[in-house]
Structures are given as C-alpha cells and as structure tokens.
Amino acid sequence: MGMRRHILNPVVTAICLVLALSAPVRADEARAAELLDELQTPDLPNWKQVEEAIWAEWAKSGSPSMDLLLKRGREAVEAGAFDTAIAHLTALTDHAPDFAEGFNARAIAYFKAGLYGPAIADIARTLDLNPRHFGALTGLGAILEETGRYDAALEAVRAARAIHPHDPDLEEAEKRLELLTSGRTL
C-alpha cells in the first residue's frame, strides 16, 4: 500500500486533470468529437447509444492488425488473463503509440492486475492523446478512490461527468465521494 501511495502523488493527478480539461481535440477524432458534443445535450434520451458510438469510434485504430490486438487484449481482460492482456496491449501500444484506446485498454488490464502505477501512466497517456476520454478519467477516479485519495478521486469523477453527464454510475460515484470528502458517513 505504501508504494501505491508514493506512485499516486498529487502531481500525477494534476497532470491528468489538466490534460483532460485543456488539450485540444485532434482532427482525426472528428466523429468522436461530434458524438461527445451530442452527449452534452441535456435530457438526452439515447445517451447510451451515443456512448456506445463513442466507444466504437475510439476503438478504430486505422489498422486491422492493431484492431485485432485491441480485441484480443480486451478478451483476455474479460477472461481474467491479465498477463496475456498486457502482452497484447503492449504490442498494440508499441506499434500504435498515438492510438489512445490502446493505452486505455492496457490501463484497465494493469488496474485489474493491481498494478496502479502503470495504470496511471497509461491513463495519463490516454488523456494526452484524447483529453475527453471519460473512461480514462473514470478509471483514474476508481484508482484514487480505491487508494483512499478521495478528494482527487472526486476531481477525476467530476471531470468525467463534465464530459459524460448522463452516466448514472458517475453520478453515484460523485455522490459517494462527496460524502466521503465532507466527513459524513455513507
């Protein structure tokens, strides 16, 4: 636990949040950007479909080989084969270093394997490449909450909710973290 706290310093959190909130959207993410803008619509009845379309856009690497590595990595995560997932996703990030979703998927594999430092590094890279990646911010919030960094977790969750205001899981996480940071009990 002590090593995890050392890795999760406020500088890393600040960098992730600044990148998420200030970097411009790249031109090759135009369709995803349109969908993210649509996700901001108040009372959006089809928000789940919009979210799924965003994930589908983010999963397009532009290379069938890289898409296959992403697919295999995700399948390995689902099967609980985290070492295999990390190997596939490392091959992906090595060959497609500008593909944000490769880093996000590997961050998930690292997180599930209990490797928070590498997960945070991949989240930071994801947000560098795709500042509006609400999934990466959600993952950052989960890591920070799990390690007892409730104030920083709340900031990450709020940043994710600013991008994806319709997700009920994010709303619940925000309420839970607000209680934890206010000193009130759940």
N, C-alpha and C. Protein backbone atom coordinates (compact mmCIF):
# COMPACT_ATOMS: atom_id res chain seq x y z
N MET A 1 0.82 -1.19 0.00
CA MET A 1 0.00 0.00 0.00
C MET A 1 0.87 1.26 0.00
N GLY A 2 1.98 1.24 0.77
CA GLY A 2 2.85 2.41 0.84
C GLY A 2 3.41 2.78 -0.50
N MET A 3 3.80 1.79 -1.30
CA MET A 3 4.35 2.06 -2.63
C MET A 3 3.28 2.67 -3.54
N ARG A 4 2.06 2.20 -3.43
CA ARG A 4 0.98 2.74 -4.26
C ARG A 4 0.75 4.21 -3.93
N ARG A 5 0.77 4.57 -2.68
CA ARG A 5 0.59 5.96 -2.30
C ARG A 5 1.71 6.82 -2.85
N HIS A 6 2.93 6.28 -2.86
CA HIS A 6 4.06 7.02 -3.40
C HIS A 6 3.86 7.30 -4.89
N ILE A 7 3.34 6.33 -5.60
CA ILE A 7 3.13 6.46 -7.04
C ILE A 7 2.00 7.45 -7.33
N LEU A 8 0.98 7.46 -6.50
CA LEU A 8 -0.21 8.28 -6.73
C LEU A 8 -0.03 9.66 -6.10
N ASN A 9 0.94 10.41 -6.57
CA ASN A 9 1.17 11.71 -5.97
C ASN A 9 0.29 12.77 -6.62
N PRO A 10 0.16 13.88 -5.95
CA PRO A 10 -0.72 14.94 -6.47
C PRO A 10 -0.29 15.48 -7.82
N VAL A 11 0.98 15.41 -8.13
CA VAL A 11 1.46 15.92 -9.42
C VAL A 11 0.86 15.11 -10.56
N VAL A 12 0.85 13.77 -10.42
CA VAL A 12 0.27 12.91 -11.46
C VAL A 12 -1.21 13.23 -11.64
N THR A 13 -1.91 13.37 -10.54
CA THR A 13 -3.33 13.69 -10.61
C THR A 13 -3.55 15.02 -11.31
N ALA A 14 -2.77 16.02 -10.94
CA ALA A 14 -2.92 17.34 -11.55
C ALA A 14 -2.63 17.30 -13.04
N ILE A 15 -1.58 16.57 -13.43
CA ILE A 15 -1.25 16.46 -14.85
C ILE A 15 -2.40 15.83 -15.62
N CYS A 16 -2.94 14.74 -15.09
CA CYS A 16 -4.05 14.07 -15.77
C CYS A 16 -5.25 14.99 -15.93
N LEU A 17 -5.58 15.71 -14.88
CA LEU A 17 -6.75 16.58 -14.94
C LEU A 17 -6.52 17.77 -15.87
N VAL A 18 -5.33 18.35 -15.84
CA VAL A 18 -5.02 19.48 -16.73
C VAL A 18 -5.08 19.03 -18.18
N LEU A 19 -4.48 17.87 -18.47
CA LEU A 19 -4.52 17.36 -19.84
C LEU A 19 -5.95 17.11 -20.28
N ALA A 20 -6.74 16.55 -19.40
CA ALA A 20 -8.11 16.21 -19.75
C ALA A 20 -8.95 17.44 -20.03
N LEU A 21 -8.68 18.51 -19.34
CA LEU A 21 -9.55 19.68 -19.45
C LEU A 21 -9.04 20.75 -20.40
N SER A 22 -7.75 20.69 -20.83
CA SER A 22 -7.22 21.81 -21.59
C SER A 22 -6.70 21.48 -22.98
N ALA A 23 -6.40 20.23 -23.28
CA ALA A 23 -5.79 19.92 -24.57
C ALA A 23 -6.85 19.92 -25.68
N PRO A 24 -6.46 20.32 -26.88
CA PRO A 24 -7.41 20.36 -27.98
C PRO A 24 -7.72 18.96 -28.52
N VAL A 25 -8.87 18.81 -29.15
CA VAL A 25 -9.24 17.57 -29.79
C VAL A 25 -8.52 17.47 -31.13
N ARG A 26 -7.92 16.32 -31.40
CA ARG A 26 -7.20 16.13 -32.66
C ARG A 26 -8.19 16.00 -33.82
N ALA A 27 -7.73 16.39 -35.01
CA ALA A 27 -8.59 16.41 -36.20
C ALA A 27 -9.11 15.02 -36.56
N ASP A 28 -8.28 13.96 -36.34
CA ASP A 28 -8.71 12.61 -36.73
C ASP A 28 -9.76 12.03 -35.79
N GLU A 29 -10.15 12.77 -34.79
CA GLU A 29 -11.19 12.33 -33.87
C GLU A 29 -12.48 13.12 -34.09
N ALA A 30 -12.69 13.59 -35.30
CA ALA A 30 -13.83 14.48 -35.58
C ALA A 30 -15.17 13.83 -35.27
N ARG A 31 -15.39 12.60 -35.69
CA ARG A 31 -16.68 11.94 -35.45
C ARG A 31 -16.90 11.74 -33.96
N ALA A 32 -15.86 11.28 -33.26
CA ALA A 32 -15.99 11.11 -31.81
C ALA A 32 -16.27 12.44 -31.14
N ALA A 33 -15.65 13.51 -31.62
CA ALA A 33 -15.87 14.84 -31.06
C ALA A 33 -17.33 15.26 -31.24
N GLU A 34 -17.89 14.99 -32.42
CA GLU A 34 -19.30 15.30 -32.66
C GLU A 34 -20.20 14.54 -31.68
N LEU A 35 -19.89 13.26 -31.48
CA LEU A 35 -20.68 12.45 -30.57
C LEU A 35 -20.52 12.93 -29.12
N LEU A 36 -19.31 13.31 -28.75
CA LEU A 36 -19.09 13.85 -27.41
C LEU A 36 -19.86 15.15 -27.20
N ASP A 37 -19.93 15.96 -28.23
CA ASP A 37 -20.74 17.18 -28.15
C ASP A 37 -22.22 16.83 -27.98
N GLU A 38 -22.67 15.82 -28.72
CA GLU A 38 -24.07 15.38 -28.60
C GLU A 38 -24.36 14.87 -27.19
N LEU A 39 -23.37 14.21 -26.59
CA LEU A 39 -23.54 13.68 -25.24
C LEU A 39 -23.80 14.79 -24.22
N GLN A 40 -23.45 16.01 -24.55
CA GLN A 40 -23.66 17.15 -23.66
C GLN A 40 -25.11 17.64 -23.66
N THR A 41 -25.91 17.15 -24.59
CA THR A 41 -27.30 17.57 -24.69
C THR A 41 -28.06 17.21 -23.42
N PRO A 42 -28.71 18.19 -22.79
CA PRO A 42 -29.49 17.88 -21.58
C PRO A 42 -30.63 16.91 -21.91
N ASP A 43 -30.95 16.07 -20.96
CA ASP A 43 -32.07 15.12 -21.10
C ASP A 43 -31.98 14.31 -22.39
N LEU A 44 -30.81 13.84 -22.72
CA LEU A 44 -30.59 13.05 -23.93
C LEU A 44 -31.16 11.65 -23.74
N PRO A 45 -32.26 11.32 -24.42
CA PRO A 45 -32.90 10.02 -24.18
C PRO A 45 -32.07 8.83 -24.69
N ASN A 46 -31.25 9.05 -25.72
CA ASN A 46 -30.49 7.95 -26.30
C ASN A 46 -29.01 8.02 -25.92
N TRP A 47 -28.71 8.51 -24.71
CA TRP A 47 -27.32 8.71 -24.30
C TRP A 47 -26.52 7.42 -24.35
N LYS A 48 -27.15 6.29 -24.06
CA LYS A 48 -26.42 5.01 -24.06
C LYS A 48 -25.95 4.67 -25.48
N GLN A 49 -26.79 4.92 -26.48
CA GLN A 49 -26.39 4.66 -27.86
C GLN A 49 -25.27 5.61 -28.29
N VAL A 50 -25.36 6.85 -27.86
CA VAL A 50 -24.31 7.82 -28.17
C VAL A 50 -23.00 7.37 -27.52
N GLU A 51 -23.08 6.95 -26.27
CA GLU A 51 -21.88 6.46 -25.58
C GLU A 51 -21.27 5.27 -26.32
N GLU A 52 -22.11 4.32 -26.73
CA GLU A 52 -21.62 3.15 -27.46
C GLU A 52 -20.97 3.55 -28.78
N ALA A 53 -21.54 4.54 -29.45
CA ALA A 53 -20.95 5.01 -30.71
C ALA A 53 -19.59 5.67 -30.45
N ILE A 54 -19.46 6.37 -29.34
CA ILE A 54 -18.18 6.98 -28.98
C ILE A 54 -17.14 5.88 -28.77
N TRP A 55 -17.50 4.87 -27.99
CA TRP A 55 -16.56 3.77 -27.75
C TRP A 55 -16.18 3.10 -29.07
N ALA A 56 -17.13 2.95 -29.98
CA ALA A 56 -16.84 2.34 -31.28
C ALA A 56 -15.86 3.19 -32.08
N GLU A 57 -16.04 4.50 -32.04
CA GLU A 57 -15.11 5.40 -32.73
C GLU A 57 -13.73 5.34 -32.11
N TRP A 58 -13.68 5.33 -30.79
CA TRP A 58 -12.39 5.29 -30.10
C TRP A 58 -11.64 3.99 -30.37
N ALA A 59 -12.38 2.92 -30.69
CA ALA A 59 -11.75 1.61 -30.92
C ALA A 59 -11.17 1.46 -32.32
N LYS A 60 -11.35 2.45 -33.18
CA LYS A 60 -10.83 2.38 -34.55
C LYS A 60 -9.39 2.89 -34.60
N SER A 61 -8.48 1.96 -34.80
CA SER A 61 -7.06 2.34 -34.87
C SER A 61 -6.63 2.75 -36.27
N GLY A 62 -7.39 2.30 -37.27
CA GLY A 62 -6.99 2.53 -38.66
C GLY A 62 -6.19 1.38 -39.24
N SER A 63 -5.96 0.34 -38.44
CA SER A 63 -5.20 -0.82 -38.88
C SER A 63 -5.90 -2.10 -38.42
N PRO A 64 -6.21 -3.01 -39.34
CA PRO A 64 -6.84 -4.27 -38.93
C PRO A 64 -5.98 -5.05 -37.93
N SER A 65 -4.67 -4.99 -38.09
CA SER A 65 -3.78 -5.71 -37.16
C SER A 65 -3.87 -5.12 -35.75
N MET A 66 -3.88 -3.80 -35.68
CA MET A 66 -3.96 -3.15 -34.37
C MET A 66 -5.34 -3.37 -33.75
N ASP A 67 -6.38 -3.35 -34.58
CA ASP A 67 -7.73 -3.62 -34.08
C ASP A 67 -7.81 -5.04 -33.50
N LEU A 68 -7.12 -5.99 -34.15
CA LEU A 68 -7.10 -7.36 -33.65
C LEU A 68 -6.37 -7.45 -32.31
N LEU A 69 -5.26 -6.74 -32.16
CA LEU A 69 -4.56 -6.72 -30.88
C LEU A 69 -5.45 -6.14 -29.77
N LEU A 70 -6.19 -5.07 -30.09
CA LEU A 70 -7.11 -4.48 -29.12
C LEU A 70 -8.17 -5.50 -28.73
N LYS A 71 -8.75 -6.15 -29.73
CA LYS A 71 -9.79 -7.16 -29.47
C LYS A 71 -9.25 -8.29 -28.60
N ARG A 72 -8.09 -8.80 -28.94
CA ARG A 72 -7.51 -9.90 -28.15
C ARG A 72 -7.17 -9.45 -26.74
N GLY A 73 -6.66 -8.23 -26.61
CA GLY A 73 -6.35 -7.72 -25.28
C GLY A 73 -7.60 -7.58 -24.42
N ARG A 74 -8.65 -7.05 -25.01
CA ARG A 74 -9.91 -6.89 -24.27
C ARG A 74 -10.49 -8.25 -23.88
N GLU A 75 -10.44 -9.21 -24.79
CA GLU A 75 -10.94 -10.55 -24.49
C GLU A 75 -10.15 -11.19 -23.35
N ALA A 76 -8.84 -10.99 -23.35
CA ALA A 76 -8.01 -11.53 -22.28
C ALA A 76 -8.35 -10.88 -20.94
N VAL A 77 -8.63 -9.58 -20.94
CA VAL A 77 -9.05 -8.90 -19.70
C VAL A 77 -10.34 -9.53 -19.20
N GLU A 78 -11.31 -9.71 -20.09
CA GLU A 78 -12.60 -10.30 -19.71
C GLU A 78 -12.44 -11.70 -19.16
N ALA A 79 -11.44 -12.44 -19.68
CA ALA A 79 -11.19 -13.81 -19.22
C ALA A 79 -10.34 -13.84 -17.95
N GLY A 80 -9.89 -12.68 -17.49
CA GLY A 80 -9.06 -12.64 -16.29
C GLY A 80 -7.61 -13.00 -16.55
N ALA A 81 -7.21 -13.07 -17.80
CA ALA A 81 -5.83 -13.39 -18.19
C ALA A 81 -5.06 -12.08 -18.35
N PHE A 82 -4.75 -11.44 -17.25
CA PHE A 82 -4.20 -10.09 -17.29
C PHE A 82 -2.80 -10.03 -17.89
N ASP A 83 -1.95 -11.02 -17.63
CA ASP A 83 -0.62 -11.01 -18.23
C ASP A 83 -0.71 -11.09 -19.76
N THR A 84 -1.61 -11.93 -20.24
CA THR A 84 -1.82 -12.06 -21.69
C THR A 84 -2.38 -10.76 -22.25
N ALA A 85 -3.33 -10.18 -21.55
CA ALA A 85 -3.91 -8.91 -21.99
C ALA A 85 -2.84 -7.84 -22.08
N ILE A 86 -2.02 -7.74 -21.05
CA ILE A 86 -0.97 -6.73 -21.03
C ILE A 86 0.01 -6.95 -22.17
N ALA A 87 0.32 -8.21 -22.47
CA ALA A 87 1.24 -8.50 -23.58
C ALA A 87 0.64 -8.06 -24.92
N HIS A 88 -0.63 -8.39 -25.17
CA HIS A 88 -1.28 -7.97 -26.41
C HIS A 88 -1.34 -6.45 -26.51
N LEU A 89 -1.72 -5.83 -25.41
CA LEU A 89 -1.92 -4.39 -25.44
C LEU A 89 -0.59 -3.63 -25.45
N THR A 90 0.46 -4.22 -24.92
CA THR A 90 1.79 -3.62 -25.03
C THR A 90 2.26 -3.68 -26.48
N ALA A 91 2.01 -4.80 -27.14
CA ALA A 91 2.34 -4.88 -28.57
C ALA A 91 1.57 -3.80 -29.33
N LEU A 92 0.32 -3.61 -28.98
CA LEU A 92 -0.50 -2.59 -29.62
C LEU A 92 0.08 -1.19 -29.40
N THR A 93 0.37 -0.86 -28.15
CA THR A 93 0.88 0.49 -27.86
C THR A 93 2.27 0.71 -28.45
N ASP A 94 3.07 -0.36 -28.55
CA ASP A 94 4.39 -0.25 -29.18
C ASP A 94 4.27 0.07 -30.67
N HIS A 95 3.29 -0.56 -31.33
CA HIS A 95 3.13 -0.39 -32.78
C HIS A 95 2.21 0.76 -33.16
N ALA A 96 1.40 1.21 -32.23
CA ALA A 96 0.48 2.33 -32.49
C ALA A 96 0.54 3.30 -31.31
N PRO A 97 1.66 4.01 -31.16
CA PRO A 97 1.85 4.86 -29.99
C PRO A 97 0.95 6.09 -29.93
N ASP A 98 0.21 6.37 -30.99
CA ASP A 98 -0.71 7.51 -30.99
C ASP A 98 -2.18 7.08 -30.90
N PHE A 99 -2.40 5.81 -30.60
CA PHE A 99 -3.75 5.26 -30.50
C PHE A 99 -4.17 5.23 -29.03
N ALA A 100 -4.97 6.20 -28.65
CA ALA A 100 -5.35 6.39 -27.24
C ALA A 100 -6.01 5.16 -26.64
N GLU A 101 -6.87 4.51 -27.40
CA GLU A 101 -7.63 3.41 -26.82
C GLU A 101 -6.74 2.22 -26.47
N GLY A 102 -5.60 2.08 -27.15
CA GLY A 102 -4.66 1.04 -26.78
C GLY A 102 -4.14 1.25 -25.36
N PHE A 103 -3.80 2.50 -25.05
CA PHE A 103 -3.32 2.83 -23.71
C PHE A 103 -4.43 2.70 -22.68
N ASN A 104 -5.64 3.11 -23.04
CA ASN A 104 -6.76 2.98 -22.10
C ASN A 104 -7.04 1.51 -21.79
N ALA A 105 -7.05 0.68 -22.82
CA ALA A 105 -7.30 -0.75 -22.60
C ALA A 105 -6.21 -1.37 -21.74
N ARG A 106 -4.96 -0.98 -21.97
CA ARG A 106 -3.87 -1.52 -21.15
C ARG A 106 -3.98 -0.99 -19.72
N ALA A 107 -4.43 0.26 -19.55
CA ALA A 107 -4.63 0.79 -18.19
C ALA A 107 -5.64 -0.07 -17.44
N ILE A 108 -6.68 -0.49 -18.11
CA ILE A 108 -7.69 -1.36 -17.49
C ILE A 108 -7.06 -2.68 -17.08
N ALA A 109 -6.26 -3.26 -17.97
CA ALA A 109 -5.60 -4.53 -17.66
C ALA A 109 -4.66 -4.37 -16.46
N TYR A 110 -3.88 -3.30 -16.46
CA TYR A 110 -2.99 -3.04 -15.32
C TYR A 110 -3.79 -2.87 -14.03
N PHE A 111 -4.87 -2.10 -14.10
CA PHE A 111 -5.70 -1.87 -12.92
C PHE A 111 -6.22 -3.18 -12.37
N LYS A 112 -6.77 -4.00 -13.25
CA LYS A 112 -7.35 -5.27 -12.80
C LYS A 112 -6.28 -6.22 -12.26
N ALA A 113 -5.03 -6.03 -12.72
CA ALA A 113 -3.91 -6.83 -12.21
C ALA A 113 -3.34 -6.24 -10.92
N GLY A 114 -3.90 -5.12 -10.47
CA GLY A 114 -3.43 -4.48 -9.24
C GLY A 114 -2.18 -3.63 -9.43
N LEU A 115 -1.85 -3.30 -10.66
CA LEU A 115 -0.65 -2.52 -10.98
C LEU A 115 -1.06 -1.07 -11.23
N TYR A 116 -1.25 -0.33 -10.15
CA TYR A 116 -1.81 1.01 -10.25
C TYR A 116 -0.86 2.02 -10.88
N GLY A 117 0.41 1.92 -10.59
CA GLY A 117 1.38 2.87 -11.18
C GLY A 117 1.36 2.82 -12.69
N PRO A 118 1.55 1.63 -13.29
CA PRO A 118 1.46 1.56 -14.76
C PRO A 118 0.08 1.95 -15.29
N ALA A 119 -0.97 1.65 -14.54
CA ALA A 119 -2.32 2.03 -14.98
C ALA A 119 -2.43 3.55 -15.06
N ILE A 120 -1.92 4.23 -14.05
CA ILE A 120 -1.98 5.70 -14.06
C ILE A 120 -1.14 6.27 -15.19
N ALA A 121 0.02 5.68 -15.44
CA ALA A 121 0.85 6.16 -16.55
C ALA A 121 0.10 6.02 -17.88
N ASP A 122 -0.59 4.90 -18.06
CA ASP A 122 -1.35 4.71 -19.30
C ASP A 122 -2.57 5.63 -19.36
N ILE A 123 -3.18 5.91 -18.23
CA ILE A 123 -4.29 6.87 -18.20
C ILE A 123 -3.78 8.25 -18.63
N ALA A 124 -2.63 8.64 -18.10
CA ALA A 124 -2.05 9.93 -18.48
C ALA A 124 -1.79 9.99 -19.97
N ARG A 125 -1.27 8.91 -20.54
CA ARG A 125 -1.01 8.88 -21.99
C ARG A 125 -2.33 8.92 -22.77
N THR A 126 -3.33 8.20 -22.29
CA THR A 126 -4.64 8.22 -22.94
C THR A 126 -5.17 9.65 -22.99
N LEU A 127 -5.10 10.34 -21.86
CA LEU A 127 -5.62 11.70 -21.79
C LEU A 127 -4.77 12.68 -22.58
N ASP A 128 -3.51 12.40 -22.73
CA ASP A 128 -2.65 13.22 -23.58
C ASP A 128 -3.11 13.12 -25.03
N LEU A 129 -3.45 11.90 -25.44
CA LEU A 129 -3.89 11.66 -26.81
C LEU A 129 -5.37 11.99 -27.03
N ASN A 130 -6.18 11.83 -26.00
CA ASN A 130 -7.63 12.03 -26.11
C ASN A 130 -8.12 12.68 -24.81
N PRO A 131 -8.04 13.99 -24.72
CA PRO A 131 -8.37 14.70 -23.48
C PRO A 131 -9.81 14.54 -23.01
N ARG A 132 -10.71 14.11 -23.88
CA ARG A 132 -12.12 13.98 -23.49
C ARG A 132 -12.49 12.52 -23.21
N HIS A 133 -11.50 11.71 -22.91
CA HIS A 133 -11.74 10.28 -22.67
C HIS A 133 -12.32 10.10 -21.27
N PHE A 134 -13.64 10.10 -21.19
CA PHE A 134 -14.32 9.97 -19.90
C PHE A 134 -14.03 8.63 -19.25
N GLY A 135 -13.76 7.61 -20.04
CA GLY A 135 -13.42 6.30 -19.49
C GLY A 135 -12.11 6.32 -18.73
N ALA A 136 -11.12 7.01 -19.28
CA ALA A 136 -9.82 7.13 -18.60
C ALA A 136 -9.97 7.91 -17.30
N LEU A 137 -10.74 8.99 -17.33
CA LEU A 137 -10.96 9.77 -16.12
C LEU A 137 -11.72 8.96 -15.07
N THR A 138 -12.67 8.16 -15.52
CA THR A 138 -13.41 7.29 -14.61
C THR A 138 -12.45 6.28 -13.96
N GLY A 139 -11.57 5.71 -14.77
CA GLY A 139 -10.58 4.77 -14.24
C GLY A 139 -9.66 5.43 -13.24
N LEU A 140 -9.23 6.66 -13.54
CA LEU A 140 -8.39 7.39 -12.60
C LEU A 140 -9.13 7.60 -11.28
N GLY A 141 -10.39 7.97 -11.38
CA GLY A 141 -11.19 8.15 -10.17
C GLY A 141 -11.29 6.86 -9.36
N ALA A 142 -11.46 5.73 -10.04
CA ALA A 142 -11.57 4.44 -9.35
C ALA A 142 -10.27 4.10 -8.61
N ILE A 143 -9.15 4.32 -9.27
CA ILE A 143 -7.85 4.04 -8.63
C ILE A 143 -7.66 4.94 -7.41
N LEU A 144 -7.94 6.20 -7.59
CA LEU A 144 -7.75 7.15 -6.48
C LEU A 144 -8.69 6.84 -5.32
N GLU A 145 -9.92 6.47 -5.62
CA GLU A 145 -10.85 6.11 -4.56
C GLU A 145 -10.37 4.85 -3.84
N GLU A 146 -9.96 3.87 -4.60
CA GLU A 146 -9.52 2.61 -4.00
C GLU A 146 -8.31 2.79 -3.10
N THR A 147 -7.50 3.78 -3.39
CA THR A 147 -6.30 4.02 -2.59
C THR A 147 -6.52 5.11 -1.53
N GLY A 148 -7.77 5.50 -1.33
CA GLY A 148 -8.09 6.43 -0.26
C GLY A 148 -7.84 7.90 -0.58
N ARG A 149 -7.61 8.22 -1.83
CA ARG A 149 -7.38 9.62 -2.25
C ARG A 149 -8.71 10.21 -2.70
N TYR A 150 -9.62 10.39 -1.75
CA TYR A 150 -11.00 10.74 -2.07
C TYR A 150 -11.15 12.11 -2.72
N ASP A 151 -10.40 13.10 -2.28
CA ASP A 151 -10.52 14.43 -2.88
C ASP A 151 -10.10 14.39 -4.36
N ALA A 152 -8.98 13.74 -4.63
CA ALA A 152 -8.51 13.64 -6.01
C ALA A 152 -9.46 12.77 -6.84
N ALA A 153 -9.99 11.71 -6.23
CA ALA A 153 -10.96 10.86 -6.93
C ALA A 153 -12.19 11.66 -7.32
N LEU A 154 -12.65 12.50 -6.40
CA LEU A 154 -13.82 13.34 -6.69
C LEU A 154 -13.53 14.28 -7.85
N GLU A 155 -12.34 14.86 -7.90
CA GLU A 155 -11.97 15.72 -9.03
C GLU A 155 -12.01 14.95 -10.35
N ALA A 156 -11.47 13.74 -10.36
CA ALA A 156 -11.46 12.94 -11.58
C ALA A 156 -12.87 12.58 -12.01
N VAL A 157 -13.71 12.19 -11.06
CA VAL A 157 -15.09 11.83 -11.38
C VAL A 157 -15.85 13.05 -11.89
N ARG A 158 -15.64 14.19 -11.28
CA ARG A 158 -16.31 15.41 -11.76
C ARG A 158 -15.85 15.77 -13.18
N ALA A 159 -14.57 15.57 -13.47
CA ALA A 159 -14.08 15.83 -14.82
C ALA A 159 -14.73 14.88 -15.82
N ALA A 160 -14.89 13.61 -15.43
CA ALA A 160 -15.56 12.64 -16.30
C ALA A 160 -17.02 13.01 -16.50
N ARG A 161 -17.69 13.44 -15.42
CA ARG A 161 -19.10 13.84 -15.52
C ARG A 161 -19.29 15.09 -16.37
N ALA A 162 -18.30 15.97 -16.37
CA ALA A 162 -18.38 17.16 -17.21
C ALA A 162 -18.42 16.77 -18.69
N ILE A 163 -17.80 15.66 -19.01
CA ILE A 163 -17.78 15.16 -20.39
C ILE A 163 -18.98 14.26 -20.66
N HIS A 164 -19.33 13.45 -19.67
CA HIS A 164 -20.42 12.47 -19.81
C HIS A 164 -21.41 12.65 -18.66
N PRO A 165 -22.29 13.64 -18.78
CA PRO A 165 -23.20 13.97 -17.67
C PRO A 165 -24.34 12.98 -17.46
N HIS A 166 -24.53 12.02 -18.36
CA HIS A 166 -25.69 11.13 -18.27
C HIS A 166 -25.41 9.80 -17.58
N ASP A 167 -24.16 9.46 -17.34
CA ASP A 167 -23.81 8.16 -16.79
C ASP A 167 -24.23 8.08 -15.32
N PRO A 168 -25.19 7.21 -14.99
CA PRO A 168 -25.65 7.12 -13.61
C PRO A 168 -24.57 6.58 -12.66
N ASP A 169 -23.64 5.78 -13.16
CA ASP A 169 -22.56 5.29 -12.31
C ASP A 169 -21.64 6.43 -11.88
N LEU A 170 -21.39 7.36 -12.79
CA LEU A 170 -20.58 8.53 -12.44
C LEU A 170 -21.31 9.42 -11.44
N GLU A 171 -22.62 9.57 -11.62
CA GLU A 171 -23.40 10.37 -10.69
C GLU A 171 -23.36 9.75 -9.30
N GLU A 172 -23.51 8.43 -9.24
CA GLU A 172 -23.45 7.73 -7.95
C GLU A 172 -22.06 7.86 -7.32
N ALA A 173 -21.01 7.73 -8.14
CA ALA A 173 -19.64 7.87 -7.62
C ALA A 173 -19.42 9.27 -7.08
N GLU A 174 -19.91 10.28 -7.79
CA GLU A 174 -19.75 11.65 -7.33
C GLU A 174 -20.43 11.85 -5.97
N LYS A 175 -21.65 11.36 -5.83
CA LYS A 175 -22.37 11.50 -4.56
C LYS A 175 -21.63 10.78 -3.43
N ARG A 176 -21.16 9.57 -3.72
CA ARG A 176 -20.43 8.79 -2.71
C ARG A 176 -19.16 9.51 -2.28
N LEU A 177 -18.42 10.04 -3.25
CA LEU A 177 -17.17 10.73 -2.94
C LEU A 177 -17.41 12.07 -2.24
N GLU A 178 -18.50 12.72 -2.58
CA GLU A 178 -18.84 13.96 -1.87
C GLU A 178 -19.09 13.68 -0.39
N LEU A 179 -19.76 12.58 -0.09
CA LEU A 179 -19.98 12.21 1.29
C LEU A 179 -18.66 11.88 1.98
N LEU A 180 -17.82 11.13 1.30
CA LEU A 180 -16.53 10.76 1.90
C LEU A 180 -15.63 11.96 2.15
N THR A 181 -15.68 12.93 1.25
CA THR A 181 -14.80 14.09 1.41
C THR A 181 -15.38 15.14 2.36
N SER A 182 -16.67 15.04 2.65
CA SER A 182 -17.29 16.03 3.56
C SER A 182 -17.20 15.59 5.01
N GLY A 183 -16.73 14.36 5.22
CA GLY A 183 -16.63 13.86 6.58
C GLY A 183 -17.88 13.16 7.07
N ARG A 184 -18.92 13.13 6.22
CA ARG A 184 -20.13 12.42 6.59
C ARG A 184 -19.97 10.94 6.27
N THR A 185 -20.70 10.11 6.94
CA THR A 185 -20.64 8.67 6.68
C THR A 185 -21.68 8.29 5.64
N LEU A 186 -21.39 7.20 4.97
CA LEU A 186 -22.31 6.74 3.92
C LEU A 186 -23.57 6.13 4.48
